[in-house]
Amino acid sequence: MTISRLTALAAVFALAVAAAGCGGDDKASQTEKWADGMCSALVDWQSSVTAAGENVSKGDLSKSSLETTANSVADANKQLRDDLDSLGKPPTETVDKAKSALDQLGDDLNKNLQDARNALANASGNDVSVAITAVASSVQAMAQDFQNTTTQLQALENDDTWKKAFENSESCQKLS
């Protein structure tokens, strides 16, 4: 239930990134490489979150299943952060703004995931009815985080170098 919403939000975010534009001179080539790395990280994250939510989306709402899913989402979030960090300093000012927005999104996702984990930790036995409400609230907060980040990324489409980098990136094409 909550993970399928998270997966839907991830898809919306991925589409927004693609719509913002993704890859010549050397600076354009560096921008394209950076954009491709960013999109590749997002594709991998989206796949991991989708896989993590399979049991929950099939109706398995046990405490154990929700905790396993939360752990898998946490691993995906960490991998996304590591992948984005490994890209290094973006080659243009606009891409720097995108990296900042994505870093903030990572922080926000981790905070909301921790809130969901805390709710699950406080659930007694396999009764997760109270925890589900708290998890749903965390998912709504994640939706707002995605919306805020999407707005920031959409503002970047005026940068032609950034737009071309996205258009030329094979990984960015997988997002749409």
N, C-alpha and C. Protein backbone atom coordinates (compact mmCIF):
# COMPACT_ATOMS: atom_id res chain seq x y z
N MET A 1 0.83 -1.19 0.00
CA MET A 1 0.00 0.00 0.00
C MET A 1 0.87 1.25 0.00
N THR A 2 1.67 1.44 1.03
CA THR A 2 2.48 2.66 1.09
C THR A 2 3.63 2.60 0.10
N ILE A 3 4.20 1.43 -0.12
CA ILE A 3 5.31 1.33 -1.04
C ILE A 3 4.83 1.53 -2.47
N SER A 4 3.61 1.05 -2.80
CA SER A 4 3.12 1.29 -4.15
C SER A 4 2.91 2.79 -4.38
N ARG A 5 2.51 3.51 -3.34
CA ARG A 5 2.41 4.97 -3.46
C ARG A 5 3.79 5.57 -3.67
N LEU A 6 4.76 5.06 -2.91
CA LEU A 6 6.13 5.55 -3.04
C LEU A 6 6.64 5.27 -4.45
N THR A 7 6.32 4.09 -4.99
CA THR A 7 6.75 3.75 -6.34
C THR A 7 6.12 4.70 -7.34
N ALA A 8 4.84 5.00 -7.15
CA ALA A 8 4.16 5.94 -8.05
C ALA A 8 4.81 7.33 -7.96
N LEU A 9 5.14 7.73 -6.75
CA LEU A 9 5.80 9.03 -6.57
C LEU A 9 7.17 9.03 -7.24
N ALA A 10 7.88 7.91 -7.13
CA ALA A 10 9.19 7.81 -7.78
C ALA A 10 9.04 7.95 -9.29
N ALA A 11 8.00 7.35 -9.84
CA ALA A 11 7.76 7.46 -11.28
C ALA A 11 7.46 8.90 -11.67
N VAL A 12 6.64 9.59 -10.87
CA VAL A 12 6.33 10.99 -11.14
C VAL A 12 7.61 11.81 -11.09
N PHE A 13 8.43 11.56 -10.09
CA PHE A 13 9.70 12.29 -9.96
C PHE A 13 10.60 12.03 -11.15
N ALA A 14 10.70 10.77 -11.54
CA ALA A 14 11.56 10.41 -12.66
C ALA A 14 11.10 11.09 -13.94
N LEU A 15 9.79 11.13 -14.16
CA LEU A 15 9.26 11.80 -15.34
C LEU A 15 9.54 13.30 -15.28
N ALA A 16 9.45 13.87 -14.10
CA ALA A 16 9.71 15.31 -13.96
C ALA A 16 11.17 15.61 -14.28
N VAL A 17 12.07 14.74 -13.84
CA VAL A 17 13.48 14.93 -14.14
C VAL A 17 13.70 14.85 -15.64
N ALA A 18 13.07 13.86 -16.28
CA ALA A 18 13.22 13.72 -17.73
C ALA A 18 12.63 14.93 -18.45
N ALA A 19 11.50 15.42 -17.97
CA ALA A 19 10.87 16.58 -18.60
C ALA A 19 11.71 17.84 -18.44
N ALA A 20 12.49 17.91 -17.38
CA ALA A 20 13.33 19.08 -17.16
C ALA A 20 14.43 19.17 -18.20
N GLY A 21 14.68 18.09 -18.90
CA GLY A 21 15.68 18.07 -19.93
C GLY A 21 16.90 17.24 -19.49
N CYS A 22 17.65 16.17 -20.22
CA CYS A 22 18.87 15.41 -19.75
C CYS A 22 20.11 15.52 -20.68
N GLY A 23 22.03 15.38 -21.68
CA GLY A 23 23.28 15.74 -22.27
C GLY A 23 23.35 16.98 -23.05
N GLY A 24 29.89 19.39 -29.87
CA GLY A 24 29.99 19.52 -28.51
C GLY A 24 31.36 19.82 -28.02
N ASP A 25 31.00 20.70 -26.99
CA ASP A 25 32.26 21.04 -26.36
C ASP A 25 32.48 20.18 -25.11
N ASP A 26 33.67 20.34 -24.52
CA ASP A 26 34.04 19.51 -23.36
C ASP A 26 33.07 19.70 -22.20
N LYS A 27 32.66 20.94 -21.95
CA LYS A 27 31.74 21.20 -20.85
C LYS A 27 30.40 20.51 -21.10
N ALA A 28 29.93 20.53 -22.34
CA ALA A 28 28.67 19.85 -22.68
C ALA A 28 28.83 18.35 -22.49
N SER A 29 29.98 17.80 -22.87
CA SER A 29 30.24 16.37 -22.70
C SER A 29 30.27 16.00 -21.22
N GLN A 30 30.90 16.83 -20.40
CA GLN A 30 30.94 16.58 -18.95
C GLN A 30 29.53 16.67 -18.36
N THR A 31 28.76 17.62 -18.84
CA THR A 31 27.38 17.76 -18.35
C THR A 31 26.57 16.54 -18.73
N GLU A 32 26.75 16.05 -19.96
CA GLU A 32 26.03 14.86 -20.40
C GLU A 32 26.41 13.65 -19.55
N LYS A 33 27.69 13.51 -19.27
CA LYS A 33 28.16 12.38 -18.44
C LYS A 33 27.55 12.47 -17.04
N TRP A 34 27.54 13.68 -16.47
CA TRP A 34 26.98 13.86 -15.14
C TRP A 34 25.48 13.56 -15.14
N ALA A 35 24.76 14.08 -16.14
CA ALA A 35 23.32 13.85 -16.25
C ALA A 35 23.03 12.36 -16.42
N ASP A 36 23.83 11.67 -17.23
CA ASP A 36 23.63 10.24 -17.43
C ASP A 36 23.84 9.48 -16.12
N GLY A 37 24.86 9.88 -15.36
CA GLY A 37 25.10 9.24 -14.06
C GLY A 37 23.95 9.48 -13.10
N MET A 38 23.43 10.71 -13.10
CA MET A 38 22.29 11.02 -12.23
C MET A 38 21.08 10.20 -12.62
N CYS A 39 20.79 10.15 -13.91
CA CYS A 39 19.61 9.40 -14.37
C CYS A 39 19.78 7.90 -14.11
N SER A 40 20.99 7.40 -14.31
CA SER A 40 21.26 5.99 -14.03
C SER A 40 21.00 5.68 -12.55
N ALA A 41 21.43 6.58 -11.68
CA ALA A 41 21.19 6.39 -10.24
C ALA A 41 19.69 6.39 -9.94
N LEU A 42 18.94 7.28 -10.59
CA LEU A 42 17.50 7.33 -10.37
C LEU A 42 16.79 6.09 -10.92
N VAL A 43 17.24 5.60 -12.08
CA VAL A 43 16.66 4.38 -12.64
C VAL A 43 16.90 3.21 -11.69
N ASP A 44 18.13 3.09 -11.20
CA ASP A 44 18.45 2.01 -10.26
C ASP A 44 17.62 2.13 -8.98
N TRP A 45 17.49 3.36 -8.46
CA TRP A 45 16.71 3.59 -7.24
C TRP A 45 15.25 3.22 -7.46
N GLN A 46 14.70 3.64 -8.59
CA GLN A 46 13.30 3.35 -8.89
C GLN A 46 13.07 1.84 -8.96
N SER A 47 13.98 1.12 -9.60
CA SER A 47 13.86 -0.34 -9.70
C SER A 47 13.93 -0.99 -8.32
N SER A 48 14.84 -0.50 -7.49
CA SER A 48 14.99 -1.06 -6.14
C SER A 48 13.76 -0.82 -5.28
N VAL A 49 13.20 0.38 -5.36
CA VAL A 49 12.01 0.70 -4.57
C VAL A 49 10.81 -0.12 -5.05
N THR A 50 10.69 -0.30 -6.36
CA THR A 50 9.61 -1.12 -6.91
C THR A 50 9.73 -2.56 -6.42
N ALA A 51 10.93 -3.10 -6.50
CA ALA A 51 11.15 -4.48 -6.03
C ALA A 51 10.90 -4.60 -4.53
N ALA A 52 11.30 -3.59 -3.77
CA ALA A 52 11.11 -3.62 -2.32
C ALA A 52 9.63 -3.67 -1.95
N GLY A 53 8.80 -3.04 -2.75
CA GLY A 53 7.38 -2.94 -2.42
C GLY A 53 6.50 -4.06 -2.96
N GLU A 54 7.09 -5.06 -3.62
CA GLU A 54 6.28 -6.11 -4.24
C GLU A 54 5.37 -6.84 -3.24
N ASN A 55 5.91 -7.31 -2.13
CA ASN A 55 5.08 -8.05 -1.17
C ASN A 55 4.00 -7.17 -0.56
N VAL A 56 4.34 -5.93 -0.24
CA VAL A 56 3.38 -5.01 0.36
C VAL A 56 2.27 -4.70 -0.65
N SER A 57 2.64 -4.50 -1.91
CA SER A 57 1.63 -4.18 -2.92
C SER A 57 0.71 -5.36 -3.19
N LYS A 58 1.15 -6.56 -2.82
CA LYS A 58 0.31 -7.75 -2.96
C LYS A 58 -0.55 -7.98 -1.72
N GLY A 59 -0.49 -7.05 -0.75
CA GLY A 59 -1.35 -7.12 0.42
C GLY A 59 -0.71 -7.65 1.68
N ASP A 60 0.58 -7.99 1.65
CA ASP A 60 1.25 -8.48 2.85
C ASP A 60 1.62 -7.28 3.72
N LEU A 61 0.75 -6.97 4.69
CA LEU A 61 0.95 -5.82 5.56
C LEU A 61 1.37 -6.22 6.97
N SER A 62 2.06 -7.34 7.08
CA SER A 62 2.56 -7.75 8.40
C SER A 62 3.70 -6.83 8.81
N LYS A 63 3.94 -6.79 10.11
CA LYS A 63 5.02 -5.96 10.63
C LYS A 63 6.35 -6.38 10.00
N SER A 64 6.57 -7.67 9.91
CA SER A 64 7.81 -8.18 9.34
C SER A 64 7.98 -7.75 7.89
N SER A 65 6.92 -7.85 7.11
CA SER A 65 6.98 -7.47 5.70
C SER A 65 7.23 -5.97 5.55
N LEU A 66 6.57 -5.17 6.37
CA LEU A 66 6.76 -3.72 6.30
C LEU A 66 8.17 -3.33 6.72
N GLU A 67 8.71 -4.01 7.74
CA GLU A 67 10.08 -3.72 8.18
C GLU A 67 11.08 -4.11 7.10
N THR A 68 10.87 -5.27 6.47
CA THR A 68 11.75 -5.70 5.38
C THR A 68 11.71 -4.70 4.24
N THR A 69 10.52 -4.24 3.91
CA THR A 69 10.37 -3.26 2.84
C THR A 69 11.06 -1.95 3.23
N ALA A 70 10.87 -1.51 4.45
CA ALA A 70 11.52 -0.27 4.91
C ALA A 70 13.04 -0.41 4.83
N ASN A 71 13.56 -1.57 5.21
CA ASN A 71 15.01 -1.79 5.14
C ASN A 71 15.49 -1.74 3.69
N SER A 72 14.71 -2.33 2.79
CA SER A 72 15.08 -2.31 1.38
C SER A 72 15.04 -0.90 0.80
N VAL A 73 14.04 -0.12 1.19
CA VAL A 73 13.96 1.27 0.74
C VAL A 73 15.12 2.07 1.31
N ALA A 74 15.48 1.80 2.57
CA ALA A 74 16.63 2.49 3.17
C ALA A 74 17.90 2.17 2.40
N ASP A 75 18.07 0.90 2.03
CA ASP A 75 19.24 0.51 1.24
C ASP A 75 19.24 1.22 -0.12
N ALA A 76 18.07 1.32 -0.74
CA ALA A 76 17.96 2.01 -2.03
C ALA A 76 18.28 3.49 -1.88
N ASN A 77 17.79 4.10 -0.80
CA ASN A 77 18.09 5.51 -0.55
C ASN A 77 19.58 5.74 -0.34
N LYS A 78 20.23 4.84 0.41
CA LYS A 78 21.66 4.96 0.65
C LYS A 78 22.43 4.80 -0.66
N GLN A 79 22.03 3.83 -1.46
CA GLN A 79 22.70 3.62 -2.74
C GLN A 79 22.52 4.83 -3.65
N LEU A 80 21.31 5.41 -3.66
CA LEU A 80 21.06 6.61 -4.46
C LEU A 80 21.99 7.73 -4.00
N ARG A 81 22.08 7.95 -2.71
CA ARG A 81 22.94 9.00 -2.17
C ARG A 81 24.40 8.75 -2.56
N ASP A 82 24.85 7.50 -2.40
CA ASP A 82 26.24 7.16 -2.75
C ASP A 82 26.50 7.39 -4.25
N ASP A 83 25.54 6.96 -5.09
CA ASP A 83 25.69 7.13 -6.53
C ASP A 83 25.75 8.60 -6.91
N LEU A 84 24.88 9.41 -6.32
CA LEU A 84 24.87 10.85 -6.63
C LEU A 84 26.14 11.52 -6.12
N ASP A 85 26.59 11.11 -4.93
CA ASP A 85 27.83 11.68 -4.38
C ASP A 85 29.04 11.33 -5.24
N SER A 86 29.03 10.13 -5.81
CA SER A 86 30.18 9.69 -6.61
C SER A 86 30.30 10.46 -7.93
N LEU A 87 29.26 11.19 -8.31
CA LEU A 87 29.31 11.97 -9.55
C LEU A 87 30.25 13.16 -9.42
N GLY A 88 30.51 13.58 -8.21
CA GLY A 88 31.40 14.72 -8.00
C GLY A 88 30.70 16.03 -8.28
N LYS A 89 31.52 17.07 -8.42
CA LYS A 89 30.99 18.42 -8.64
C LYS A 89 30.42 18.52 -10.05
N PRO A 90 29.17 18.96 -10.15
CA PRO A 90 28.55 19.13 -11.47
C PRO A 90 29.30 20.20 -12.28
N PRO A 91 29.34 20.04 -13.61
CA PRO A 91 30.13 20.93 -14.45
C PRO A 91 29.48 22.28 -14.78
N THR A 92 28.25 22.51 -14.42
CA THR A 92 27.61 23.80 -14.70
C THR A 92 26.88 24.28 -13.45
N GLU A 93 26.65 25.58 -13.40
CA GLU A 93 25.94 26.15 -12.25
C GLU A 93 24.53 25.57 -12.12
N THR A 94 23.86 25.40 -13.24
CA THR A 94 22.49 24.89 -13.22
C THR A 94 22.45 23.46 -12.69
N VAL A 95 23.41 22.64 -13.14
CA VAL A 95 23.45 21.26 -12.66
C VAL A 95 23.79 21.24 -11.18
N ASP A 96 24.58 22.21 -10.73
CA ASP A 96 24.88 22.33 -9.31
C ASP A 96 23.58 22.52 -8.52
N LYS A 97 22.68 23.32 -9.07
CA LYS A 97 21.38 23.51 -8.44
C LYS A 97 20.59 22.21 -8.42
N ALA A 98 20.69 21.43 -9.49
CA ALA A 98 20.00 20.13 -9.54
C ALA A 98 20.56 19.19 -8.48
N LYS A 99 21.89 19.16 -8.35
CA LYS A 99 22.51 18.29 -7.35
C LYS A 99 22.07 18.70 -5.95
N SER A 100 22.01 19.98 -5.72
CA SER A 100 21.56 20.47 -4.42
C SER A 100 20.12 20.02 -4.14
N ALA A 101 19.27 20.13 -5.14
CA ALA A 101 17.87 19.70 -4.98
C ALA A 101 17.79 18.20 -4.72
N LEU A 102 18.61 17.41 -5.43
CA LEU A 102 18.60 15.96 -5.24
C LEU A 102 19.18 15.58 -3.88
N ASP A 103 20.20 16.29 -3.43
CA ASP A 103 20.74 16.04 -2.10
C ASP A 103 19.69 16.30 -1.03
N GLN A 104 18.97 17.40 -1.18
CA GLN A 104 17.91 17.72 -0.22
C GLN A 104 16.82 16.65 -0.25
N LEU A 105 16.48 16.18 -1.45
CA LEU A 105 15.49 15.12 -1.57
C LEU A 105 15.95 13.87 -0.82
N GLY A 106 17.22 13.51 -0.99
CA GLY A 106 17.76 12.35 -0.28
C GLY A 106 17.64 12.50 1.22
N ASP A 107 17.98 13.68 1.72
CA ASP A 107 17.85 13.94 3.17
C ASP A 107 16.40 13.81 3.61
N ASP A 108 15.49 14.39 2.83
CA ASP A 108 14.08 14.35 3.18
C ASP A 108 13.52 12.92 3.14
N LEU A 109 13.91 12.15 2.11
CA LEU A 109 13.45 10.76 2.01
C LEU A 109 13.92 9.96 3.22
N ASN A 110 15.18 10.16 3.60
CA ASN A 110 15.71 9.42 4.75
C ASN A 110 15.01 9.80 6.05
N LYS A 111 14.70 11.08 6.22
CA LYS A 111 13.99 11.51 7.43
C LYS A 111 12.60 10.88 7.48
N ASN A 112 11.90 10.91 6.37
CA ASN A 112 10.55 10.34 6.35
C ASN A 112 10.58 8.83 6.50
N LEU A 113 11.58 8.19 5.92
CA LEU A 113 11.73 6.75 6.10
C LEU A 113 11.99 6.42 7.56
N GLN A 114 12.81 7.22 8.23
CA GLN A 114 13.08 7.00 9.65
C GLN A 114 11.80 7.16 10.47
N ASP A 115 10.98 8.14 10.13
CA ASP A 115 9.69 8.30 10.81
C ASP A 115 8.84 7.05 10.66
N ALA A 116 8.81 6.49 9.45
CA ALA A 116 8.03 5.27 9.21
C ALA A 116 8.61 4.10 10.01
N ARG A 117 9.94 4.00 10.04
CA ARG A 117 10.58 2.91 10.80
C ARG A 117 10.28 3.04 12.30
N ASN A 118 10.30 4.27 12.80
CA ASN A 118 9.98 4.47 14.21
C ASN A 118 8.56 4.03 14.52
N ALA A 119 7.64 4.34 13.63
CA ALA A 119 6.24 3.92 13.83
C ALA A 119 6.15 2.40 13.83
N LEU A 120 6.87 1.74 12.94
CA LEU A 120 6.85 0.28 12.90
C LEU A 120 7.50 -0.31 14.15
N ALA A 121 8.55 0.31 14.63
CA ALA A 121 9.24 -0.19 15.83
C ALA A 121 8.34 -0.09 17.05
N ASN A 122 7.45 0.89 17.07
CA ASN A 122 6.55 1.07 18.20
C ASN A 122 5.28 0.25 18.09
N ALA A 123 5.08 -0.43 16.95
CA ALA A 123 3.89 -1.27 16.78
C ALA A 123 4.05 -2.52 17.62
N SER A 124 2.95 -2.96 18.22
CA SER A 124 3.03 -4.15 19.07
C SER A 124 2.69 -5.40 18.26
N GLY A 125 3.60 -6.38 18.34
CA GLY A 125 3.39 -7.64 17.64
C GLY A 125 3.22 -7.42 16.15
N ASN A 126 2.22 -8.11 15.59
CA ASN A 126 1.94 -7.97 14.17
C ASN A 126 0.82 -6.97 13.92
N ASP A 127 0.32 -6.29 14.96
CA ASP A 127 -0.73 -5.29 14.78
C ASP A 127 -0.08 -3.99 14.33
N VAL A 128 -0.21 -3.73 13.07
CA VAL A 128 0.44 -2.55 12.50
C VAL A 128 -0.57 -1.47 12.09
N SER A 129 -1.81 -1.60 12.57
CA SER A 129 -2.84 -0.65 12.15
C SER A 129 -2.48 0.80 12.51
N VAL A 130 -1.95 1.02 13.70
CA VAL A 130 -1.56 2.37 14.10
C VAL A 130 -0.33 2.80 13.30
N ALA A 131 0.58 1.87 13.09
CA ALA A 131 1.80 2.18 12.34
C ALA A 131 1.48 2.53 10.89
N ILE A 132 0.48 1.89 10.32
CA ILE A 132 0.12 2.16 8.92
C ILE A 132 -0.28 3.62 8.75
N THR A 133 -0.99 4.18 9.73
CA THR A 133 -1.38 5.59 9.67
C THR A 133 -0.14 6.48 9.68
N ALA A 134 0.82 6.16 10.54
CA ALA A 134 2.05 6.94 10.60
C ALA A 134 2.87 6.78 9.32
N VAL A 135 2.90 5.57 8.78
CA VAL A 135 3.63 5.33 7.54
C VAL A 135 2.97 6.10 6.40
N ALA A 136 1.63 6.11 6.38
CA ALA A 136 0.91 6.87 5.34
C ALA A 136 1.26 8.35 5.43
N SER A 137 1.38 8.86 6.64
CA SER A 137 1.77 10.26 6.83
C SER A 137 3.18 10.51 6.29
N SER A 138 4.08 9.57 6.53
CA SER A 138 5.44 9.68 6.00
C SER A 138 5.45 9.67 4.48
N VAL A 139 4.60 8.83 3.90
CA VAL A 139 4.52 8.76 2.44
C VAL A 139 3.98 10.08 1.88
N GLN A 140 3.00 10.68 2.56
CA GLN A 140 2.49 11.98 2.12
C GLN A 140 3.59 13.04 2.19
N ALA A 141 4.41 12.98 3.22
CA ALA A 141 5.52 13.93 3.32
C ALA A 141 6.52 13.70 2.19
N MET A 142 6.76 12.42 1.83
CA MET A 142 7.64 12.12 0.71
C MET A 142 7.07 12.68 -0.59
N ALA A 143 5.74 12.60 -0.74
CA ALA A 143 5.10 13.15 -1.93
C ALA A 143 5.36 14.65 -2.02
N GLN A 144 5.28 15.34 -0.90
CA GLN A 144 5.55 16.78 -0.90
C GLN A 144 7.01 17.05 -1.23
N ASP A 145 7.91 16.21 -0.71
CA ASP A 145 9.33 16.35 -1.03
C ASP A 145 9.56 16.19 -2.53
N PHE A 146 8.93 15.17 -3.14
CA PHE A 146 9.05 14.96 -4.58
C PHE A 146 8.52 16.18 -5.34
N GLN A 147 7.38 16.70 -4.90
CA GLN A 147 6.78 17.85 -5.58
C GLN A 147 7.72 19.07 -5.51
N ASN A 148 8.29 19.31 -4.34
CA ASN A 148 9.21 20.44 -4.19
C ASN A 148 10.44 20.28 -5.09
N THR A 149 10.99 19.07 -5.11
CA THR A 149 12.17 18.82 -5.94
C THR A 149 11.83 18.94 -7.41
N THR A 150 10.68 18.41 -7.80
CA THR A 150 10.23 18.50 -9.19
C THR A 150 10.13 19.96 -9.63
N THR A 151 9.57 20.80 -8.79
CA THR A 151 9.45 22.22 -9.11
C THR A 151 10.83 22.84 -9.32
N GLN A 152 11.78 22.48 -8.47
CA GLN A 152 13.14 23.01 -8.61
C GLN A 152 13.79 22.53 -9.90
N LEU A 153 13.60 21.24 -10.23
CA LEU A 153 14.23 20.70 -11.43
C LEU A 153 13.58 21.24 -12.70
N GLN A 154 12.28 21.47 -12.68
CA GLN A 154 11.61 22.01 -13.85
C GLN A 154 12.11 23.40 -14.18
N ALA A 155 12.56 24.13 -13.18
CA ALA A 155 13.07 25.48 -13.41
C ALA A 155 14.40 25.45 -14.18
N LEU A 156 15.03 24.30 -14.28
CA LEU A 156 16.33 24.19 -14.95
C LEU A 156 16.21 24.03 -16.46
N GLU A 157 15.01 23.81 -16.98
CA GLU A 157 14.88 23.51 -18.40
C GLU A 157 15.27 24.68 -19.30
N ASN A 158 15.46 25.85 -18.75
CA ASN A 158 15.91 26.99 -19.55
C ASN A 158 17.39 26.92 -19.89
N ASP A 159 18.15 26.04 -19.24
CA ASP A 159 19.58 25.87 -19.51
C ASP A 159 19.73 24.87 -20.66
N ASP A 160 20.16 25.37 -21.82
CA ASP A 160 20.25 24.54 -23.02
C ASP A 160 21.24 23.38 -22.86
N THR A 161 22.37 23.62 -22.19
CA THR A 161 23.36 22.56 -21.98
C THR A 161 22.75 21.41 -21.18
N TRP A 162 22.02 21.76 -20.14
CA TRP A 162 21.36 20.78 -19.28
C TRP A 162 20.31 20.00 -20.08
N LYS A 163 19.51 20.72 -20.85
CA LYS A 163 18.45 20.08 -21.64
C LYS A 163 19.05 19.09 -22.65
N LYS A 164 20.09 19.49 -23.35
CA LYS A 164 20.74 18.61 -24.33
C LYS A 164 21.36 17.39 -23.66
N ALA A 165 21.93 17.60 -22.48
CA ALA A 165 22.54 16.48 -21.75
C ALA A 165 21.50 15.42 -21.44
N PHE A 166 20.33 15.84 -20.99
CA PHE A 166 19.26 14.88 -20.70
C PHE A 166 18.78 14.19 -21.97
N GLU A 167 18.63 14.96 -23.04
CA GLU A 167 18.14 14.39 -24.29
C GLU A 167 19.11 13.36 -24.86
N ASN A 168 20.42 13.56 -24.67
CA ASN A 168 21.43 12.65 -25.21
C ASN A 168 21.78 11.50 -24.30
N SER A 169 21.26 11.48 -23.11
CA SER A 169 21.59 10.44 -22.14
C SER A 169 20.70 9.23 -22.31
N GLU A 170 21.32 8.07 -22.52
CA GLU A 170 20.56 6.82 -22.63
C GLU A 170 19.83 6.50 -21.32
N SER A 171 20.49 6.74 -20.20
CA SER A 171 19.85 6.46 -18.90
C SER A 171 18.64 7.37 -18.66
N CYS A 172 18.75 8.62 -19.08
CA CYS A 172 17.63 9.55 -18.89
C CYS A 172 16.43 9.14 -19.74
N GLN A 173 16.70 8.55 -20.90
CA GLN A 173 15.61 8.08 -21.76
C GLN A 173 14.83 6.95 -21.08
N LYS A 174 15.49 6.18 -20.24
CA LYS A 174 14.84 5.09 -19.51
C LYS A 174 13.86 5.61 -18.46
N LEU A 175 14.05 6.86 -18.03
CA LEU A 175 13.16 7.44 -17.03
C LEU A 175 11.81 7.79 -17.61
N SER A 176 11.73 8.05 -18.89
CA SER A 176 10.45 8.46 -19.49
C SER A 176 9.80 7.34 -20.23
